C-alpha atoms as a PDB file:
ATOM      1  CA  MET A   1      19.714  64.351   3.674  1.00  0.00           C
ATOM      2  CA  HIS A   2      17.322  65.952   6.163  1.00  0.00           C
ATOM      3  CA  ILE A   3      17.002  69.594   7.134  1.00  0.00           C
ATOM      4  CA  THR A   4      18.920  70.446  10.317  1.00  0.00           C
ATOM      5  CA  ALA A   5      17.446  72.392  13.223  1.00  0.00           C
ATOM      6  CA  SER A   6      19.230  75.587  12.163  1.00  0.00           C
ATOM      7  CA  GLN A   7      18.108  75.187   8.556  1.00  0.00           C
ATOM      8  CA  MET A   8      14.536  74.572   9.674  1.00  0.00           C
ATOM      9  CA  HIS A   9      14.562  77.711  11.824  1.00  0.00           C
ATOM     10  CA  ALA A  10      15.918  79.696   8.881  1.00  0.00           C
ATOM     11  CA  ALA A  11      13.090  78.392   6.688  1.00  0.00           C
ATOM     12  CA  MET A  12      10.564  79.378   9.359  1.00  0.00           C
ATOM     13  CA  ALA A  13      12.189  82.819   9.619  1.00  0.00           C
ATOM     14  CA  ALA A  14      11.723  83.310   5.874  1.00  0.00           C
ATOM     15  CA  ILE A  15       7.964  83.064   6.464  1.00  0.00           C
ATOM     16  CA  VAL A  16       7.601  85.443   9.408  1.00  0.00           C
ATOM     17  CA  GLU A  17      10.176  87.919   8.079  1.00  0.00           C
ATOM     18  CA  ALA A  18       8.562  88.245   4.645  1.00  0.00           C
ATOM     19  CA  PRO A  19       7.631  91.846   3.720  1.00  0.00           C
ATOM     20  CA  ASP A  20       4.212  92.891   5.061  1.00  0.00           C
ATOM     21  CA  TYR A  21       3.724  89.593   6.875  1.00  0.00           C
ATOM     22  CA  PRO A  22       0.527  90.173   8.880  1.00  0.00           C
ATOM     23  CA  LEU A  23       1.171  87.855  11.859  1.00  0.00           C
ATOM     24  CA  LEU A  24       3.721  87.740  14.708  1.00  0.00           C
ATOM     25  CA  GLN A  25       3.429  91.430  15.494  1.00  0.00           C
ATOM     26  CA  SER A  26       4.394  90.948  19.147  1.00  0.00           C
ATOM     27  CA  TYR A  27       5.925  88.351  21.517  1.00  0.00           C
ATOM     28  CA  LYS A  28       8.507  87.646  18.849  1.00  0.00           C
ATOM     29  CA  GLN A  29      10.798  85.965  21.371  1.00  0.00           C
ATOM     30  CA  ASP A  30       8.439  82.986  21.138  1.00  0.00           C
ATOM     31  CA  PHE A  31       9.966  82.412  17.711  1.00  0.00           C
ATOM     32  CA  TYR A  32      13.468  83.816  17.950  1.00  0.00           C
ATOM     33  CA  LYS A  33      14.288  82.259  21.319  1.00  0.00           C
ATOM     34  CA  HIS A  34      11.882  79.537  22.414  1.00  0.00           C
ATOM     35  CA  ASP A  35      11.197  77.928  19.021  1.00  0.00           C
ATOM     36  CA  LEU A  36      14.916  77.883  18.234  1.00  0.00           C
ATOM     37  CA  GLU A  37      15.760  76.301  21.605  1.00  0.00           C
ATOM     38  CA  SER A  38      13.050  73.687  21.146  1.00  0.00           C
ATOM     39  CA  LEU A  39      14.313  72.812  17.675  1.00  0.00           C
ATOM     40  CA  ARG A  40      17.889  72.440  18.868  1.00  0.00           C
ATOM     41  CA  LEU A  41      16.761  70.183  21.711  1.00  0.00           C
ATOM     42  CA  ASN A  42      14.256  67.975  19.880  1.00  0.00           C
ATOM     43  CA  TRP A  43      14.824  68.073  16.134  1.00  0.00           C
ATOM     44  CA  THR A  44      15.964  64.807  14.495  1.00  0.00           C
ATOM     45  CA  ALA A  45      15.799  63.086  11.130  1.00  0.00           C
ATOM     46  CA  GLN A  46      12.432  61.582  12.140  1.00  0.00           C
ATOM     47  CA  SER A  47      10.846  64.623  13.809  1.00  0.00           C
ATOM     48  CA  ARG A  48       7.378  65.975  13.189  1.00  0.00           C
ATOM     49  CA  ALA A  49       6.122  69.213  14.674  1.00  0.00           C
ATOM     50  CA  ILE A  50       3.138  71.532  14.361  1.00  0.00           C
ATOM     51  CA  TRP A  51       4.036  75.221  14.203  1.00  0.00           C
ATOM     52  CA  VAL A  52       1.279  77.766  14.795  1.00  0.00           C
ATOM     53  CA  VAL A  53       1.864  81.457  14.055  1.00  0.00           C
ATOM     54  CA  THR A  54      -0.545  83.964  15.609  1.00  0.00           C
ATOM     55  CA  PRO A  55      -0.599  87.774  15.725  1.00  0.00           C
ATOM     56  CA  ASN A  56       0.930  87.513  19.206  1.00  0.00           C
ATOM     57  CA  GLY A  57       3.588  84.819  19.298  1.00  0.00           C
ATOM     58  CA  THR A  58       4.043  81.295  18.036  1.00  0.00           C
ATOM     59  CA  HIS A  59       3.475  77.754  19.309  1.00  0.00           C
ATOM     60  CA  LEU A  60       5.851  74.952  18.339  1.00  0.00           C
ATOM     61  CA  CYS A  61       4.493  71.531  19.290  1.00  0.00           C
ATOM     62  CA  PHE A  62       6.459  68.354  18.613  1.00  0.00           C
ATOM     63  CA  VAL A  63       4.200  65.366  18.034  1.00  0.00           C
ATOM     64  CA  GLY A  64       4.355  61.590  17.931  1.00  0.00           C
ATOM     65  CA  HIS A  65       6.078  61.060  21.280  1.00  0.00           C
ATOM     66  CA  HIS A  66       3.191  61.202  23.755  1.00  0.00           C
ATOM     67  CA  GLU A  67      -0.590  61.468  23.705  1.00  0.00           C
ATOM     68  CA  CYS A  68      -0.481  64.694  25.750  1.00  0.00           C
ATOM     69  CA  GLN A  69       1.046  66.404  22.717  1.00  0.00           C
ATOM     70  CA  ILE A  70      -2.345  66.045  21.031  1.00  0.00           C
ATOM     71  CA  ASP A  71      -3.867  68.343  23.655  1.00  0.00           C
ATOM     72  CA  HIS A  72      -1.081  70.871  23.156  1.00  0.00           C
ATOM     73  CA  VAL A  73      -1.732  70.998  19.426  1.00  0.00           C
ATOM     74  CA  ASP A  74      -5.480  71.266  20.028  1.00  0.00           C
ATOM     75  CA  ALA A  75      -4.932  74.252  22.336  1.00  0.00           C
ATOM     76  CA  ALA A  76      -2.523  75.901  19.898  1.00  0.00           C
ATOM     77  CA  VAL A  77      -4.801  75.686  16.858  1.00  0.00           C
ATOM     78  CA  HIS A  78      -7.850  76.831  18.865  1.00  0.00           C
ATOM     79  CA  SER A  79      -6.181  79.778  20.574  1.00  0.00           C
ATOM     80  CA  GLY A  80      -9.053  82.183  19.845  1.00  0.00           C
ATOM     81  CA  TYR A  81      -7.419  84.220  17.085  1.00  0.00           C
ATOM     82  CA  GLU A  82      -9.401  84.768  13.912  1.00  0.00           C
ATOM     83  CA  HIS A  83      -6.279  84.668  11.741  1.00  0.00           C
ATOM     84  CA  ILE A  84      -3.479  82.152  12.306  1.00  0.00           C
ATOM     85  CA  GLU A  85      -1.258  80.050  10.100  1.00  0.00           C
ATOM     86  CA  ILE A  86      -0.466  76.412  10.810  1.00  0.00           C
ATOM     87  CA  TYR A  87       2.523  74.522   9.424  1.00  0.00           C
ATOM     88  CA  LEU A  88       3.694  70.931   9.513  1.00  0.00           C
ATOM     89  CA  LEU A  89       7.452  70.685  10.013  1.00  0.00           C
ATOM     90  CA  ARG A  90       9.150  67.541   8.758  1.00  0.00           C
ATOM     91  CA  PRO A  91      12.757  66.749   7.846  1.00  0.00           C
ATOM     92  CA  SER A  92      11.742  67.144   4.207  1.00  0.00           C
ATOM     93  CA  GLY A  93      10.492  70.707   4.703  1.00  0.00           C
ATOM     94  CA  ILE A  94       7.559  72.914   5.733  1.00  0.00           C
ATOM     95  CA  LYS A  95       3.966  72.594   4.578  1.00  0.00           C
ATOM     96  CA  ARG A  96       1.006  74.824   5.443  1.00  0.00           C
ATOM     97  CA  ILE A  97      -1.938  72.781   6.766  1.00  0.00           C
ATOM     98  CA  THR A  98      -5.402  73.176   8.288  1.00  0.00           C
ATOM     99  CA  ARG A  99      -6.524  72.758  11.906  1.00  0.00           C
ATOM    100  CA  GLY A 100      -7.961  69.342  11.110  1.00  0.00           C
ATOM    101  CA  GLN A 101      -4.773  68.182   9.415  1.00  0.00           C
ATOM    102  CA  ALA A 102      -2.721  69.389  12.394  1.00  0.00           C
ATOM    103  CA  LEU A 103      -4.818  67.326  14.800  1.00  0.00           C
ATOM    104  CA  ASP A 104      -4.676  64.293  12.521  1.00  0.00           C
ATOM    105  CA  GLU A 105      -0.892  64.577  12.465  1.00  0.00           C
ATOM    106  CA  ALA A 106      -0.733  64.890  16.257  1.00  0.00           C
ATOM    107  CA  ARG A 107      -2.829  61.745  16.699  1.00  0.00           C
ATOM    108  CA  LYS A 108      -0.243  59.631  14.833  1.00  0.00           C
ATOM    109  CA  LEU A 109       1.797  58.289  17.731  1.00  0.00           C
ATOM    110  CA  ASP A 110       5.258  56.903  17.011  1.00  0.00           C
ATOM    111  CA  PHE A 111       5.632  55.892  20.682  1.00  0.00           C
ATOM    112  CA  ARG A 112       3.291  54.806  23.450  1.00  0.00           C
ATOM    113  CA  VAL A 113       3.584  54.606  27.226  1.00  0.00           C
ATOM    114  CA  LYS A 114       1.792  51.586  28.643  1.00  0.00           C
ATOM    115  CA  ALA A 115       1.044  50.591  32.210  1.00  0.00           C
ATOM    116  CA  GLY A 116       4.109  50.348  34.422  1.00  0.00           C
ATOM    117  CA  GLY A 117       6.156  52.763  32.322  1.00  0.00           C
ATOM    118  CA  HIS A 118       6.534  50.358  29.382  1.00  0.00           C
ATOM    119  CA  VAL A 119       7.566  52.485  26.367  1.00  0.00           C
ATOM    120  CA  THR A 120       7.005  50.978  22.921  1.00  0.00           C
ATOM    121  CA  ASP A 121       7.263  52.113  19.341  1.00  0.00           C
ATOM    122  CA  ALA A 122       4.259  52.219  17.002  1.00  0.00           C
ATOM    123  CA  LEU A 123       4.646  48.492  16.258  1.00  0.00           C
ATOM    124  CA  GLY A 124       4.599  47.532  19.932  1.00  0.00           C
ATOM    125  CA  ASN A 125       8.330  46.831  20.185  1.00  0.00           C
ATOM    126  CA  THR A 126       9.888  47.632  23.560  1.00  0.00           C
ATOM    127  CA  VAL A 127      12.017  50.776  23.525  1.00  0.00           C
ATOM    128  CA  ALA A 128      12.451  51.302  27.287  1.00  0.00           C
ATOM    129  CA  TYR A 129      11.056  50.809  30.760  1.00  0.00           C
ATOM    130  CA  MET A 130      10.517  54.033  32.684  1.00  0.00           C
ATOM    131  CA  SER A 131      10.687  54.653  36.433  1.00  0.00           C
ATOM    132  CA  LEU A 132       9.788  58.067  37.855  1.00  0.00           C
ATOM    133  CA  GLY A 133      10.490  59.543  41.268  1.00  0.00           C
ATOM    134  CA  LYS A 134       8.667  62.562  42.704  1.00  0.00           C
ATOM    135  CA  GLY A 135      10.080  65.207  45.031  1.00  0.00           C
ATOM    136  CA  GLY A 136      10.010  68.883  45.918  1.00  0.00           C
ATOM    137  CA  ASP A 137       7.181  70.593  47.752  1.00  0.00           C
ATOM    138  CA  ILE A 138       3.926  72.425  47.005  1.00  0.00           C
ATOM    139  CA  ARG A 139       5.875  75.431  45.696  1.00  0.00           C
ATOM    140  CA  ARG A 140       8.143  73.486  43.347  1.00  0.00           C
ATOM    141  CA  ARG A 141       7.417  69.920  42.316  1.00  0.00           C
ATOM    142  CA  THR A 142      10.340  67.907  40.981  1.00  0.00           C
ATOM    143  CA  THR A 143      10.908  64.546  39.339  1.00  0.00           C
ATOM    144  CA  THR A 144      13.763  62.245  38.380  1.00  0.00           C
ATOM    145  CA  VAL A 145      13.208  59.911  35.452  1.00  0.00           C
ATOM    146  CA  HIS A 146      15.163  56.793  34.535  1.00  0.00           C
ATOM    147  CA  PHE A 147      14.803  54.604  31.461  1.00  0.00           C
ATOM    148  CA  ASP A 148      16.116  51.054  31.257  1.00  0.00           C
ATOM    149  CA  PRO A 149      16.711  50.472  27.532  1.00  0.00           C
ATOM    150  CA  GLY A 150      14.622  47.771  25.896  1.00  0.00           C
ATOM    151  CA  LEU A 151      15.576  45.385  23.105  1.00  0.00           C
ATOM    152  CA  ASN A 152      14.529  47.878  20.432  1.00  0.00           C
ATOM    153  CA  TYR A 153      16.255  50.928  21.920  1.00  0.00           C
ATOM    154  CA  THR A 154      18.813  52.146  19.376  1.00  0.00           C
ATOM    155  CA  GLY A 155      20.260  55.205  21.113  1.00  0.00           C
ATOM    156  CA  SER A 156      19.423  57.195  17.974  1.00  0.00           C
ATOM    157  CA  PRO A 157      18.662  60.923  18.236  1.00  0.00           C
ATOM    158  CA  SER A 158      14.997  60.156  17.502  1.00  0.00           C
ATOM    159  CA  HIS A 159      14.774  57.672  20.398  1.00  0.00           C
ATOM    160  CA  VAL A 160      16.575  60.055  22.754  1.00  0.00           C
ATOM    161  CA  ALA A 161      14.296  62.961  21.779  1.00  0.00           C
ATOM    162  CA  ALA A 162      11.238  60.759  22.267  1.00  0.00           C
ATOM    163  CA  LEU A 163      12.329  59.654  25.740  1.00  0.00           C
ATOM    164  CA  ARG A 164      13.094  63.264  26.698  1.00  0.00           C
ATOM    165  CA  ASN A 165       9.554  64.303  25.732  1.00  0.00           C
ATOM    166  CA  ILE A 166       8.014  61.258  27.375  1.00  0.00           C
ATOM    167  CA  ALA A 167       9.856  62.134  30.595  1.00  0.00           C
ATOM    168  CA  LEU A 168       8.428  65.657  30.479  1.00  0.00           C
ATOM    169  CA  HIS A 169       4.813  64.677  29.845  1.00  0.00           C
ATOM    170  CA  GLU A 170       4.841  61.780  32.294  1.00  0.00           C
ATOM    171  CA  SER A 171       6.318  64.117  34.937  1.00  0.00           C
ATOM    172  CA  ILE A 172       3.495  66.606  34.369  1.00  0.00           C
ATOM    173  CA  ARG A 173       0.977  63.783  34.615  1.00  0.00           C
ATOM    174  CA  ALA A 174       2.578  62.383  37.786  1.00  0.00           C
ATOM    175  CA  VAL A 175       2.597  65.650  39.762  1.00  0.00           C
ATOM    176  CA  GLN A 176      -0.537  67.055  38.076  1.00  0.00           C
ATOM    177  CA  THR A 177       0.907  70.470  37.303  1.00  0.00           C
ATOM    178  CA  LEU A 178       2.702  72.075  34.378  1.00  0.00           C
ATOM    179  CA  PHE A 179       5.087  73.680  36.849  1.00  0.00           C
ATOM    180  CA  VAL A 180       7.381  70.719  37.321  1.00  0.00           C
ATOM    181  CA  SER A 181      11.165  70.655  37.245  1.00  0.00           C
ATOM    182  CA  ILE A 182      12.834  67.494  35.983  1.00  0.00           C
ATOM    183  CA  GLN A 183      15.973  67.177  38.070  1.00  0.00           C
ATOM    184  CA  ARG A 184      17.516  64.407  36.032  1.00  0.00           C
ATOM    185  CA  ILE A 185      16.874  62.046  33.125  1.00  0.00           C
ATOM    186  CA  THR A 186      19.025  58.944  32.777  1.00  0.00           C
ATOM    187  CA  ILE A 187      18.950  56.303  30.066  1.00  0.00           C
ATOM    188  CA  GLY A 188      20.780  53.189  31.110  1.00  0.00           C
ATOM    189  CA  ASP A 189      24.209  54.328  32.326  1.00  0.00           C
ATOM    190  CA  ALA A 190      23.958  57.672  30.523  1.00  0.00           C
ATOM    191  CA  LEU A 191      22.904  61.088  31.789  1.00  0.00           C
ATOM    192  CA  LEU A 192      20.723  63.062  29.379  1.00  0.00           C
ATOM    193  CA  THR A 193      21.817  66.704  29.087  1.00  0.00           C
ATOM    194  CA  ALA A 194      20.962  69.574  26.755  1.00  0.00           C
ATOM    195  CA  ASN A 195      23.967  68.540  24.652  1.00  0.00           C
ATOM    196  CA  GLY A 196      23.039  64.862  24.471  1.00  0.00           C
ATOM    197  CA  LEU A 197      23.948  61.733  26.406  1.00  0.00           C
ATOM    198  CA  ILE A 198      26.981  61.504  28.680  1.00  0.00           C
ATOM    199  CA  ASN A 199      27.973  58.037  29.813  1.00  0.00           C
ATOM    200  CA  VAL A 200      28.363  57.685  33.587  1.00  0.00           C
ATOM    201  CA  PRO A 201      29.404  54.064  34.261  1.00  0.00           C
ATOM    202  CA  HIS A 202      27.594  52.307  37.075  1.00  0.00           C
ATOM    203  CA  GLN A 203      30.614  51.646  39.270  1.00  0.00           C
ATOM    204  CA  ASP A 204      28.931  50.420  42.443  1.00  0.00           C
ATOM    205  CA  ASN A 205      26.298  47.881  43.357  1.00  0.00           C
ATOM    206  CA  GLY A 206      23.984  50.455  44.934  1.00  0.00           C
ATOM    207  CA  LEU A 207      24.876  49.374  48.470  1.00  0.00           C
ATOM    208  CA  MET A 208      27.956  51.538  49.053  1.00  0.00           C
ATOM    209  CA  TYR A 209      27.619  55.157  50.148  1.00  0.00           C
ATOM    210  CA  VAL A 210      29.638  58.341  50.453  1.00  0.00           C
ATOM    211  CA  LEU A 211      29.091  61.413  52.597  1.00  0.00           C
ATOM    212  CA  PHE A 212      28.356  64.428  50.453  1.00  0.00           C
ATOM    213  CA  SER A 213      28.373  68.158  51.225  1.00  0.00           C
ATOM    214  CA  ALA A 214      25.720  70.542  49.901  1.00  0.00           C
ATOM    215  CA  ALA A 215      28.607  72.884  48.934  1.00  0.00           C
ATOM    216  CA  GLU A 216      30.411  70.007  47.260  1.00  0.00           C
ATOM    217  CA  PHE A 217      32.257  71.915  44.573  1.00  0.00           C
ATOM    218  CA  GLU A 218      33.658  74.753  46.619  1.00  0.00           C
ATOM    219  CA  ASN A 219      37.350  74.716  47.505  1.00  0.00           C
ATOM    220  CA  ASP A 220      38.730  73.078  44.365  1.00  0.00           C
ATOM    221  CA  GLY A 221      35.997  70.541  43.804  1.00  0.00           C
ATOM    222  CA  LYS A 222      36.195  68.965  47.235  1.00  0.00           C
ATOM    223  CA  GLY A 223      33.150  67.738  49.040  1.00  0.00           C
ATOM    224  CA  PHE A 224      33.323  64.131  50.149  1.00  0.00           C
ATOM    225  CA  PHE A 225      33.824  63.479  53.829  1.00  0.00           C
ATOM    226  CA  SER A 226      35.789  60.451  54.920  1.00  0.00           C
ATOM    227  CA  LYS A 227      35.718  58.514  58.172  1.00  0.00           C
ATOM    228  CA  ARG A 228      38.873  60.363  59.177  1.00  0.00           C
ATOM    229  CA  ARG A 229      36.948  63.654  59.061  1.00  0.00           C
ATOM    230  CA  ASN A 230      38.947  65.214  56.260  1.00  0.00           C
ATOM    231  CA  TRP A 231      37.644  66.357  52.889  1.00  0.00           C
ATOM    232  CA  GLY A 232      38.666  64.520  49.761  1.00  0.00           C
ATOM    233  CA  LYS A 233      37.791  64.182  46.121  1.00  0.00           C
ATOM    234  CA  LEU A 234      35.627  61.311  44.953  1.00  0.00           C
ATOM    235  CA  THR A 235      38.583  59.111  44.074  1.00  0.00           C
ATOM    236  CA  SER A 236      39.678  59.059  47.714  1.00  0.00           C
ATOM    237  CA  ALA A 237      36.241  59.201  49.364  1.00  0.00           C
ATOM    238  CA  SER A 238      35.423  56.555  51.920  1.00  0.00           C
ATOM    239  CA  LEU A 239      32.820  53.995  50.931  1.00  0.00           C
ATOM    240  CA  LEU A 240      30.491  53.238  53.804  1.00  0.00           C
ATOM    241  CA  PRO A 241      28.064  50.340  54.139  1.00  0.00           C
ATOM    242  CA  ALA A 242      24.522  51.659  54.580  1.00  0.00           C
ATOM    243  CA  ALA A 243      24.406  50.422  58.176  1.00  0.00           C
ATOM    244  CA  SER A 244      27.340  52.594  59.249  1.00  0.00           C
ATOM    245  CA  ALA A 245      26.939  55.527  56.879  1.00  0.00           C
ATOM    246  CA  TRP A 246      25.860  57.792  59.740  1.00  0.00           C
ATOM    247  CA  VAL A 247      29.352  57.788  61.225  1.00  0.00           C
ATOM    248  CA  GLY A 248      31.007  61.208  61.177  1.00  0.00           C
ATOM    249  CA  VAL A 249      28.367  63.039  59.169  1.00  0.00           C
ATOM    250  CA  PRO A 250      29.067  66.767  59.634  1.00  0.00           C
ATOM    251  CA  THR A 251      26.410  69.483  59.448  1.00  0.00           C
ATOM    252  CA  GLY A 252      25.167  70.112  55.914  1.00  0.00           C
ATOM    253  CA  THR A 253      26.045  66.731  54.452  1.00  0.00           C
ATOM    254  CA  GLU A 254      23.936  63.850  53.250  1.00  0.00           C
ATOM    255  CA  VAL A 255      24.521  60.183  52.609  1.00  0.00           C
ATOM    256  CA  ILE A 256      24.288  59.185  48.944  1.00  0.00           C
ATOM    257  CA  THR A 257      25.321  56.252  46.790  1.00  0.00           C
ATOM    258  CA  LEU A 258      28.558  56.346  44.890  1.00  0.00           C
ATOM    259  CA  ARG A 259      26.507  56.231  41.696  1.00  0.00           C
ATOM    260  CA  GLU A 260      24.657  59.385  42.755  1.00  0.00           C
ATOM    261  CA  ALA A 261      27.962  61.072  43.523  1.00  0.00           C
ATOM    262  CA  HIS A 262      29.267  60.363  40.014  1.00  0.00           C
ATOM    263  CA  LEU A 263      26.052  61.695  38.471  1.00  0.00           C
ATOM    264  CA  ARG A 264      26.244  64.920  40.497  1.00  0.00           C
ATOM    265  CA  ILE A 265      29.810  65.521  39.410  1.00  0.00           C
ATOM    266  CA  VAL A 266      28.911  65.139  35.731  1.00  0.00           C
ATOM    267  CA  GLU A 267      25.878  67.410  36.138  1.00  0.00           C
ATOM    268  CA  ARG A 268      28.018  70.098  37.752  1.00  0.00           C
ATOM    269  CA  GLN A 269      30.629  69.826  34.999  1.00  0.00           C
ATOM    270  CA  VAL A 270      27.935  70.226  32.342  1.00  0.00           C
ATOM    271  CA  GLN A 271      26.563  73.297  34.160  1.00  0.00           C
ATOM    272  CA  GLU A 272      29.991  74.869  34.291  1.00  0.00           C
ATOM    273  CA  GLU A 273      30.527  74.246  30.563  1.00  0.00           C
ATOM    274  CA  LEU A 274      27.216  75.963  29.748  1.00  0.00           C
ATOM    275  CA  PHE A 275      28.234  79.110  31.624  1.00  0.00           C
ATOM    276  CA  VAL A 276      31.860  79.365  30.466  1.00  0.00           C
END
């Protein structure tokens, strides 16, 4: 039985909360907020992470998913502080290690991204095929990332966590800035959220469209405009061939596929659940 994310955070807390512990004297939210959030999002039965504690904050770096994580570990263990502590986090527990051991651990890749977005495991077996779209502007770069599952994709928490991290690092690489917002990650027919995968069946062939309002969920969840110029929920929305989708588009609407409409509804529902 492996240590859960909450149990791991408790074990980490036992270190930094020990009497007269000399490190983590400031920026404690790095540990109590950000490290905990990262653990809850990424921790699985196969996880490995490097945890660096400094006098001013902590750095939690998951490893094995992407080569860019090696650079993150390198930066964390060479942060300029004379006194730091470095730990290897594994499902079996916590172990204090050296800078060299941390970098060696980071260089062990469990997944690789090859040309064309081909994601494999360490043995070269196909896990997924990635496609990435870029958007936004110079002030806020955005991406959407989709993975078509490969023959060796299992849907396990470790595969999902790996694809989430791959999406992040490939997005940073694609737009060449750390300040990127991933608008959406999908794996097959599933939408990846903070609480895991939500299946959103692919109910159209990609050629049918609906008219969609930017204020789609105001007025009791309405927001799809039909040919008859009245608002209706998705179940009664008109499907328009791409060639005639311009008909009757009111101000503030856009033409999107039915698939996109279903994804937006699920995303909004997830948002509402988070803020209840």
